[in-house]
Protein backbone atom coordinates (compact mmCIF):
# COMPACT_ATOMS: atom_id res chain seq x y z
CA MET A 1 118.93 165.89 130.94
CA SER A 2 118.73 168.68 133.34
CA LEU A 3 118.44 172.31 132.09
CA ASP A 4 121.50 172.85 134.01
CA SER A 5 123.34 169.97 132.12
CA SER A 6 122.41 171.65 128.87
CA ALA A 7 123.33 174.77 129.74
CA THR A 8 126.97 173.29 130.79
CA LEU A 9 127.10 171.82 127.21
CA GLN A 10 126.34 174.71 125.20
CA LYS A 11 129.19 176.51 127.29
CA TRP A 12 131.60 173.86 125.11
CA ILE A 13 130.31 175.89 121.36
CA GLY A 14 133.46 177.44 120.19
CA GLN A 15 136.14 175.18 121.82
CA ALA A 16 139.07 175.01 119.33
CA ARG A 17 142.32 173.27 118.95
CA GLN A 18 144.85 173.18 115.91
CA VAL A 19 147.07 170.26 115.43
CA GLU A 20 149.90 169.30 112.56
CA ASP A 21 151.18 166.09 111.10
CA ILE A 22 153.00 165.02 108.06
CA VAL A 23 151.66 162.85 105.14
CA THR A 24 154.57 160.43 105.17
CA PRO A 25 155.21 157.55 102.89
CA ARG A 26 154.47 154.85 105.45
CA LEU A 27 150.90 156.43 105.97
CA LEU A 28 150.32 156.18 102.15
CA ALA A 29 151.81 152.61 102.00
CA SER A 30 149.74 151.23 105.02
CA PHE A 31 146.56 153.04 103.91
CA GLU A 32 146.78 151.25 100.52
CA ALA A 33 147.83 148.21 101.66
CA SER A 34 145.03 148.00 104.24
CA LEU A 35 142.32 148.90 101.64
CA GLY A 36 143.78 146.93 98.88
CA PRO A 37 142.28 146.91 95.49
CA HIS A 38 139.39 149.37 97.10
CA VAL A 39 141.63 152.54 97.18
CA VAL A 40 142.42 154.70 94.39
CA ARG A 41 145.90 155.06 93.49
CA ARG A 42 147.41 158.18 91.79
CA ASP A 43 149.69 160.93 92.36
CA GLU A 44 147.42 162.71 95.08
CA ALA A 45 146.54 161.13 98.31
CA PRO A 46 143.57 158.85 97.91
CA PRO A 47 139.87 160.12 99.57
CA GLY A 48 139.46 159.29 103.00
CA LEU A 49 143.42 159.52 103.86
CA HIS A 50 142.55 162.81 105.78
CA TRP A 51 140.78 160.96 108.55
CA CYS A 52 144.38 159.27 108.90
CA LEU A 53 145.78 162.66 109.37
CA THR A 54 145.89 164.66 112.80
CA PRO A 55 144.21 162.37 114.93
CA ASP A 56 143.49 162.74 118.48
CA ILE A 57 146.33 161.49 120.69
CA ALA A 58 145.93 160.88 124.38
CA ASP A 59 147.88 159.37 126.94
CA ALA A 60 146.55 155.86 128.06
CA SER A 61 145.55 157.41 131.32
CA GLU A 62 143.62 159.82 129.59
CA LEU A 63 141.24 157.32 128.07
CA GLY A 64 137.62 156.53 128.92
CA PRO A 65 136.50 152.89 129.28
CA ASP A 66 135.28 152.95 126.11
CA GLY A 67 138.89 153.59 124.51
CA HIS A 68 137.96 157.45 123.51
CA GLN A 69 139.77 160.09 125.11
CA ALA A 70 137.76 160.68 128.23
CA LYS A 71 135.11 163.46 127.50
CA GLY A 72 135.14 166.74 129.32
CA GLY A 73 138.40 168.31 127.28
CA PHE A 74 137.82 169.38 123.93
CA LEU A 75 134.36 167.34 123.50
CA PRO A 76 131.52 168.50 125.97
CA PRO A 77 131.09 165.86 129.19
CA VAL A 78 127.88 164.64 127.65
CA PRO A 79 126.07 162.37 130.21
CA LEU A 80 125.34 159.27 127.60
CA PRO A 81 127.81 156.62 127.41
CA ARG A 82 127.84 155.41 123.58
CA ARG A 83 129.66 157.41 121.12
CA MET A 84 129.54 157.17 117.40
CA TRP A 85 130.57 159.09 114.32
CA ALA A 86 126.86 159.94 112.82
CA GLY A 87 128.05 161.55 109.72
CA SER A 88 130.05 164.42 107.89
CA ASP A 89 129.97 166.67 105.28
CA MET A 90 132.92 167.53 103.27
CA ARG A 91 134.36 169.90 100.56
CA PHE A 92 137.87 168.80 99.02
CA LEU A 93 139.42 172.24 97.95
CA ALA A 94 142.76 171.30 96.67
CA PRO A 95 144.99 167.73 96.77
CA ILE A 96 146.85 166.05 99.54
CA ARG A 97 150.00 164.69 98.65
CA GLY A 98 152.89 163.03 100.18
CA GLY A 99 155.43 164.64 102.04
CA ASP A 100 152.93 167.47 102.73
CA THR A 101 152.49 169.17 106.39
CA ILE A 102 149.08 169.07 107.32
CA ARG A 103 147.38 171.48 110.05
CA ARG A 104 143.66 171.15 111.07
CA ARG A 105 141.97 173.66 112.91
CA SER A 106 138.79 172.11 114.81
CA THR A 107 135.95 174.04 116.18
CA LEU A 108 133.06 172.83 118.43
CA SER A 109 129.99 174.48 116.56
CA ALA A 110 126.92 173.03 117.60
CA VAL A 111 125.43 170.94 120.37
CA GLU A 112 121.67 169.54 120.14
CA GLU A 113 119.71 167.52 122.10
CA LYS A 114 116.97 165.30 120.50
CA GLN A 115 114.85 161.98 121.36
CA GLY A 116 115.01 159.64 118.99
CA ARG A 117 113.65 156.05 118.54
CA THR A 118 116.07 154.69 120.92
CA GLY A 119 115.77 157.07 123.68
CA ARG A 120 117.46 160.37 124.11
CA LEU A 121 120.46 161.45 121.71
CA THR A 122 122.72 164.41 122.05
CA PHE A 123 124.42 165.75 118.40
CA VAL A 124 127.90 167.55 118.54
CA THR A 125 128.80 169.08 115.32
CA VAL A 126 132.77 169.76 114.93
CA ARG A 127 133.70 171.92 112.36
CA HIS A 128 137.28 170.95 110.74
CA GLU A 129 139.57 173.12 108.66
CA ILE A 130 142.44 171.25 107.15
CA SER A 131 145.25 173.13 105.14
CA ASN A 132 148.58 172.47 103.71
CA ALA A 133 151.51 175.22 103.27
CA ALA A 134 149.56 176.24 100.06
CA GLY A 135 146.34 176.86 101.67
CA PRO A 136 142.90 174.97 102.53
CA VAL A 137 142.45 171.53 101.27
CA VAL A 138 139.37 169.93 103.03
CA GLU A 139 136.49 171.69 104.98
CA GLU A 140 134.45 168.91 107.15
CA ASP A 141 131.62 169.37 109.38
CA GLN A 142 131.79 165.99 111.39
CA ILE A 143 128.41 165.06 113.37
CA ILE A 144 129.05 162.85 116.75
CA VAL A 145 125.99 161.50 118.24
CA TYR A 146 126.01 160.03 121.85
CA CYS A 147 123.20 157.88 123.24
CA ALA A 148 122.32 155.43 125.99
CA ALA A 149 123.99 152.03 126.04
CA GLU A 150 120.52 150.25 126.35
CA ALA A 151 120.01 151.73 122.72
CA GLY A 152 121.75 148.21 121.43
CA THR A 153 119.21 146.26 123.02
CA ALA A 154 116.18 148.18 121.19
CA PRO A 155 113.59 146.37 119.34
CA PRO A 156 114.80 144.63 115.47
CA ALA A 157 114.68 147.58 113.03
CA LYS A 158 112.00 147.38 110.28
CA PRO A 159 112.61 145.08 107.45
CA ALA A 160 115.22 145.90 105.12
CA THR A 161 113.90 148.20 101.97
CA PRO A 162 113.66 146.52 98.48
CA ARG A 163 117.36 147.01 96.64
CA LEU A 164 116.67 149.14 93.43
CA SER A 165 118.68 148.73 90.62
CA ALA A 166 121.85 150.74 90.58
CA SER A 167 124.27 152.10 87.88
CA HIS A 168 127.31 150.86 89.76
CA GLU A 169 127.94 147.95 92.58
CA ARG A 170 131.17 146.50 94.33
CA ILE A 171 131.57 143.72 96.82
CA VAL A 172 133.69 144.52 99.77
CA ASP A 173 134.71 141.65 102.28
CA VAL A 174 135.55 143.32 105.83
CA ASP A 175 137.24 141.00 108.25
CA PRO A 176 138.77 141.86 111.75
CA VAL A 177 142.16 142.39 110.31
CA LEU A 178 140.79 145.49 108.17
CA LEU A 179 138.80 146.65 111.53
CA PHE A 180 142.05 146.58 113.31
CA ARG A 181 144.14 148.06 110.85
CA TYR A 182 141.68 150.76 110.45
CA SER A 183 141.47 151.69 113.91
CA ALA A 184 145.33 151.80 113.58
CA LEU A 185 145.48 154.20 110.93
CA THR A 186 143.06 156.42 112.35
CA PHE A 187 144.67 155.91 116.02
CA ASN A 188 141.03 155.18 117.16
CA GLY A 189 141.03 153.48 120.50
CA HIS A 190 136.89 152.82 120.49
CA ARG A 191 136.67 149.26 121.53
CA ILE A 192 133.85 148.48 119.75
CA HIS A 193 135.98 148.20 116.44
CA TYR A 194 138.29 145.44 117.94
CA ASP A 195 137.07 144.23 121.30
CA VAL A 196 134.34 141.50 120.79
CA PRO A 197 133.67 141.25 124.69
CA TYR A 198 132.95 144.82 125.05
CA ALA A 199 131.08 145.18 122.10
CA THR A 200 129.01 142.59 122.89
CA GLY A 201 128.65 142.96 126.73
CA VAL A 202 129.00 146.77 127.31
CA GLU A 203 127.76 148.47 124.38
CA HIS A 204 125.42 145.37 123.50
CA TYR A 205 126.38 145.17 120.01
CA PRO A 206 125.71 141.86 118.31
CA GLY A 207 129.50 141.77 117.23
CA LEU A 208 132.19 144.22 115.99
CA VAL A 209 130.90 147.36 114.49
CA ILE A 210 132.47 148.24 111.11
CA HIS A 211 133.81 151.92 111.42
CA GLY A 212 131.41 154.44 109.53
CA PRO A 213 134.21 156.55 107.95
CA LEU A 214 135.79 153.34 106.83
CA GLN A 215 132.47 152.67 104.87
CA ALA A 216 132.45 156.22 103.65
CA THR A 217 136.05 155.87 102.45
CA LEU A 218 135.52 152.67 100.45
CA LEU A 219 132.41 154.76 99.07
CA MET A 220 134.77 157.73 98.14
CA ASN A 221 137.15 155.56 96.49
CA PHE A 222 134.44 153.71 94.71
CA ALA A 223 133.01 157.22 93.12
CA ALA A 224 136.41 158.12 92.21
CA VAL A 225 136.80 154.79 89.87
CA ILE A 226 133.04 155.62 88.56
CA ALA A 227 133.84 159.01 88.02
CA GLY A 228 137.57 159.13 86.94
CA GLN A 229 138.28 161.47 89.39
CA ALA A 230 137.58 162.12 93.26
CA PRO A 231 134.26 163.70 94.31
CA ARG A 232 134.76 167.60 95.19
CA SER A 233 132.35 167.15 97.64
CA PHE A 234 130.82 163.94 100.10
CA SER A 235 128.51 163.94 102.27
CA PHE A 236 127.42 160.63 104.46
CA ARG A 237 125.30 159.77 107.24
CA GLY A 238 125.04 156.57 109.19
CA VAL A 239 121.87 154.87 109.13
CA ARG A 240 122.17 151.62 111.29
CA PRO A 241 125.55 149.82 112.60
CA ALA A 242 127.16 147.66 110.17
CA ILE A 243 128.33 144.11 112.16
CA GLY A 244 131.27 142.83 110.95
CA PRO A 245 133.05 140.36 109.99
CA GLN A 246 130.77 140.14 106.51
CA THR A 247 130.72 141.31 103.00
CA LEU A 248 129.19 144.98 101.94
CA LEU A 249 127.57 145.83 99.03
CA LEU A 250 128.60 149.57 97.58
CA SER A 251 126.31 150.95 94.98
CA GLY A 252 126.13 154.51 93.15
CA THR A 253 123.46 155.52 90.84
CA ALA A 254 123.90 159.10 88.75
CA ARG A 255 121.12 161.68 89.81
CA GLY A 256 121.85 164.15 87.12
CA LYS A 257 125.29 165.53 85.77
CA GLY A 258 127.94 165.47 88.21
CA ASN A 259 125.81 163.88 91.30
CA MET A 260 125.75 160.46 92.44
CA ASP A 261 123.58 158.76 95.42
CA MET A 262 125.56 155.94 97.07
CA GLU A 263 124.80 153.72 99.88
CA VAL A 264 126.33 150.45 101.75
CA ARG A 265 124.14 147.52 102.36
CA ALA A 266 124.79 144.79 105.14
CA SER A 267 124.60 141.13 103.89
CA ASP A 268 121.01 141.04 105.47
CA GLY A 269 119.89 143.81 103.53
CA HIS A 270 119.49 146.92 105.15
CA VAL A 271 121.27 149.93 104.32
CA THR A 272 124.01 150.99 106.85
CA VAL A 273 125.41 154.14 105.29
CA LYS A 274 123.72 156.87 102.65
CA ALA A 275 125.93 159.30 101.05
CA THR A 276 126.11 161.75 98.00
CA ALA A 277 128.84 162.50 95.94
CA GLN A 278 129.30 165.58 93.80
CA TRP A 279 132.11 166.63 91.14
């Protein structure tokens, strides 16, 4: 990337926008029906529901070839074609409940360029401040990574690391219907999650890609079951793409009082998401 291009991207830092949404009975019912027995049902909204609120909504004419809103609006015009949600750091300050009016203020806080194993990478960090009428409910730093399309044809990853004994484990079957439903819940048009010819022929994945936030949502709800309450903070990072349909293994291991290391493993034994939960 040229120095001029890099300077242009840096100008996007500080961009902000604000949107509102309502936690409707239909959204809650759809979320719970889609995730089935893997979602916690309580008086407050289940962990991960905030990712289904205040989605980025763009007219069909404003979409790029990947199904996302074309770059150069709120997000900078990164000259790399593939976009992935690399991870998030979240603090949960208060419950979200049915009927709440939710306001999300998003600010682009950082743009970093790096050289990775598969080539050039650009990391964009967005700070989300989510509140209801009573005040702040969630603070999140979302990390988005851009890379070359050829990254999907990189040499095979190293052999899977041995799986250590975990305190808690759960098996989750992910099929194309769940991928479609989660895309619909989050209004995520990214074609890698539902369009096999596009995912394999354009972005060079072996098949449909299981959403990173879907895996994180499964982990957060599993953490809530283990501890008897939802985490107060949760961080996750994508380690490698999980290709569906397939069976995922969720695991959690306590690391001292109020801390848990968590991960998702694909059926081939590779870790796809690593996370930490705190109470």
